[in-house]
Amino acid sequence: MPQRIFLSCSSNPIKSYLRKHYQSEPFLFSSPGTVFESNSEIDLDKIYWMIKELGPVEIIQVHDMDSVFLTDIILDQNEIDFPGRKVLSELYHNNTAEVQKEAKTQSKVGVLALLHMESQAQFLMHHKKLSELYLEGLIQFKGLLTQLQKNKSIEFELEFQHQPV
């Protein structure tokens, strides 16, 4: 059974939820609203050494369906300034048609969260050191969408059309 590494922004509700439901798993918290924006080399180095130490891992990216950061992007409010704004805004604007197919704001947030998880996994998969570990079969990518207000979550595998060679 592979170990799990949870990648999440540093919001306290998400931290509390993960600690409550996955006490013994390693967590890597990064800047609000995104995983890799500033200091990505530091985060990537941490992930690399965690995998080298733990062996096979599932890297699980976490987003909350009620995320104020993602909601701010979807509603184009620009009320919150956070480190991941640029990355998430670009992702949203490049995929507006796909996101806007959904009727409810929360569903749109879910689509943006999934797009972000795929984008971040692709980023990890193509990083020089981490791509070697991925090709060796030491990394699997998963997502975890939470609804903290309802104390619910759903975990799923991320699958990709484009993989490193």
Protein backbone atom coordinates (compact mmCIF):
# COMPACT_ATOMS: atom_id res chain seq x y z
CA MET A 1 0.00 0.00 0.00
CA PRO A 2 1.57 3.29 -1.04
CA GLN A 3 2.02 6.09 1.46
CA ARG A 4 0.01 9.25 0.89
CA ILE A 5 1.21 12.81 0.54
CA PHE A 6 -1.53 15.44 0.68
CA LEU A 7 -0.90 18.70 -1.14
CA SER A 8 -3.12 21.51 0.01
CA CYS A 9 -3.23 25.22 0.55
CA SER A 10 -2.65 26.26 4.12
CA SER A 11 -6.22 27.13 5.12
CA ASN A 12 -6.95 26.14 8.71
CA PRO A 13 -10.26 24.37 7.97
CA ILE A 14 -8.58 22.11 5.40
CA LYS A 15 -5.67 21.44 7.77
CA SER A 16 -8.11 20.47 10.52
CA TYR A 17 -10.16 18.24 8.22
CA LEU A 18 -7.10 16.39 6.91
CA ARG A 19 -5.63 15.91 10.38
CA LYS A 20 -8.95 14.59 11.67
CA HIS A 21 -9.54 12.13 8.82
CA TYR A 22 -5.96 11.19 7.84
CA GLN A 23 -3.95 11.59 11.07
CA SER A 24 -0.93 9.50 10.19
CA GLU A 25 -0.37 10.76 6.65
CA PRO A 26 2.24 13.33 5.63
CA PHE A 27 0.94 16.73 4.57
CA LEU A 28 2.54 19.48 2.55
CA PHE A 29 0.83 22.81 2.98
CA SER A 30 1.62 25.65 0.64
CA SER A 31 0.41 29.13 -0.09
CA PRO A 32 -3.34 29.87 -0.07
CA GLY A 33 -5.24 29.03 -3.22
CA THR A 34 -2.57 26.98 -4.94
CA VAL A 35 0.15 24.43 -4.38
CA PHE A 36 2.98 25.76 -6.54
CA GLU A 37 3.22 29.49 -7.04
CA SER A 38 6.08 30.88 -5.02
CA ASN A 39 8.96 28.80 -3.66
CA SER A 40 8.02 25.91 -5.96
CA GLU A 41 11.57 24.55 -5.97
CA ILE A 42 11.47 24.29 -2.18
CA ASP A 43 8.13 22.43 -2.32
CA LEU A 44 9.32 20.20 -5.17
CA ASP A 45 12.51 19.35 -3.30
CA LYS A 46 10.47 18.44 -0.19
CA ILE A 47 8.19 16.21 -2.25
CA TYR A 48 11.14 14.52 -3.95
CA TRP A 49 12.84 13.69 -0.64
CA MET A 50 9.57 12.56 0.95
CA ILE A 51 9.10 10.07 -1.89
CA LYS A 52 12.70 8.90 -1.66
CA GLU A 53 12.15 8.29 2.06
CA LEU A 54 8.63 6.82 1.89
CA GLY A 55 8.85 4.76 -1.29
CA PRO A 56 5.76 4.48 -3.53
CA VAL A 57 3.29 7.29 -2.83
CA GLU A 58 -0.07 8.64 -3.81
CA ILE A 59 0.14 12.39 -4.23
CA ILE A 60 -3.31 13.66 -3.34
CA GLN A 61 -4.20 17.24 -4.19
CA VAL A 62 -6.91 18.76 -2.04
CA HIS A 63 -9.43 21.47 -2.89
CA ASP A 64 -12.58 22.47 -1.04
CA MET A 65 -15.81 23.01 -2.98
CA ASP A 66 -16.49 26.09 -0.84
CA SER A 67 -13.04 27.59 -1.41
CA VAL A 68 -13.18 31.37 -1.16
CA PHE A 69 -10.18 31.54 -3.49
CA LEU A 70 -11.76 29.51 -6.30
CA THR A 71 -15.15 31.18 -5.80
CA ASP A 72 -13.51 34.60 -6.10
CA ILE A 73 -12.03 33.55 -9.46
CA ILE A 74 -15.32 32.06 -10.76
CA LEU A 75 -17.39 35.10 -9.77
CA ASP A 76 -14.65 37.47 -11.01
CA GLN A 77 -14.85 39.42 -7.78
CA ASN A 78 -11.16 40.22 -7.31
CA GLU A 79 -11.84 40.77 -3.61
CA ILE A 80 -9.10 38.48 -2.30
CA ASP A 81 -5.44 38.84 -3.16
CA PHE A 82 -3.61 35.54 -2.75
CA PRO A 83 -0.44 33.95 -4.15
CA GLY A 84 -2.27 31.56 -6.51
CA ARG A 85 -4.53 34.16 -8.10
CA LYS A 86 -2.50 34.47 -11.31
CA VAL A 87 -2.25 30.72 -11.92
CA LEU A 88 -5.91 30.05 -11.14
CA SER A 89 -7.13 33.06 -13.15
CA GLU A 90 -5.17 31.94 -16.21
CA LEU A 91 -6.47 28.40 -15.83
CA TYR A 92 -10.03 29.72 -15.55
CA HIS A 93 -9.74 32.06 -18.54
CA ASN A 94 -8.18 29.31 -20.69
CA ASN A 95 -11.07 26.97 -19.83
CA THR A 96 -14.00 29.39 -19.39
CA ALA A 97 -16.29 27.50 -21.79
CA GLU A 98 -15.80 24.22 -19.92
CA VAL A 99 -16.32 25.82 -16.49
CA GLN A 100 -19.37 27.83 -17.59
CA LYS A 101 -21.21 24.69 -18.73
CA GLU A 102 -22.08 24.15 -15.08
CA ALA A 103 -25.14 25.92 -13.68
CA LYS A 104 -24.25 26.26 -10.01
CA THR A 105 -21.29 28.27 -8.72
CA GLN A 106 -20.20 25.36 -6.54
CA SER A 107 -20.12 23.03 -9.58
CA LYS A 108 -18.05 25.62 -11.45
CA VAL A 109 -15.66 25.70 -8.48
CA GLY A 110 -15.43 21.90 -8.71
CA VAL A 111 -14.52 22.06 -12.41
CA LEU A 112 -11.86 24.70 -11.75
CA ALA A 113 -10.50 22.59 -8.87
CA LEU A 114 -10.24 19.54 -11.14
CA LEU A 115 -8.51 21.58 -13.85
CA HIS A 116 -6.08 22.90 -11.26
CA MET A 117 -5.36 19.41 -9.92
CA GLU A 118 -4.61 18.15 -13.42
CA SER A 119 -2.44 21.18 -14.15
CA GLN A 120 -0.45 20.75 -10.95
CA ALA A 121 -0.05 17.00 -11.49
CA GLN A 122 1.23 17.68 -15.02
CA PHE A 123 3.65 20.22 -13.55
CA LEU A 124 4.94 17.60 -11.09
CA MET A 125 5.04 14.88 -13.71
CA HIS A 126 7.27 16.96 -15.96
CA HIS A 127 9.66 18.14 -13.26
CA LYS A 128 13.10 16.63 -13.90
CA LYS A 129 13.57 14.73 -10.63
CA LEU A 130 9.92 13.86 -10.06
CA SER A 131 9.32 12.62 -13.61
CA GLU A 132 11.99 9.97 -13.03
CA LEU A 133 10.14 8.79 -9.91
CA TYR A 134 6.83 8.84 -11.81
CA LEU A 135 8.24 6.75 -14.65
CA GLU A 136 9.63 4.29 -12.07
CA GLY A 137 6.07 3.84 -10.81
CA LEU A 138 6.73 5.48 -7.45
CA ILE A 139 4.05 8.18 -7.86
CA GLN A 140 0.30 7.96 -8.44
CA PHE A 141 -1.81 11.11 -8.67
CA LYS A 142 -5.16 11.51 -6.96
CA GLY A 143 -7.52 14.31 -6.09
CA LEU A 144 -9.61 14.97 -3.02
CA LEU A 145 -12.57 17.34 -3.26
CA THR A 146 -13.92 18.27 0.14
CA GLN A 147 -17.06 19.95 1.35
CA LEU A 148 -15.87 21.02 4.75
CA GLN A 149 -19.21 22.57 5.73
CA LYS A 150 -20.84 19.15 5.32
CA ASN A 151 -17.81 17.15 6.56
CA LYS A 152 -17.71 15.22 3.26
CA SER A 153 -15.09 14.40 0.68
CA ILE A 154 -14.56 12.33 -2.43
CA GLU A 155 -11.21 10.89 -3.48
CA PHE A 156 -10.46 9.94 -7.09
CA GLU A 157 -7.60 9.06 -9.41
CA LEU A 158 -6.30 11.64 -11.85
CA GLU A 159 -5.78 10.26 -15.34
CA PHE A 160 -3.87 12.01 -18.10
CA GLN A 161 -3.73 12.00 -21.86
CA HIS A 162 -0.16 13.34 -21.96
CA GLN A 163 2.56 11.68 -19.92
CA PRO A 164 6.33 12.24 -19.79
CA VAL A 165 8.53 10.15 -22.06
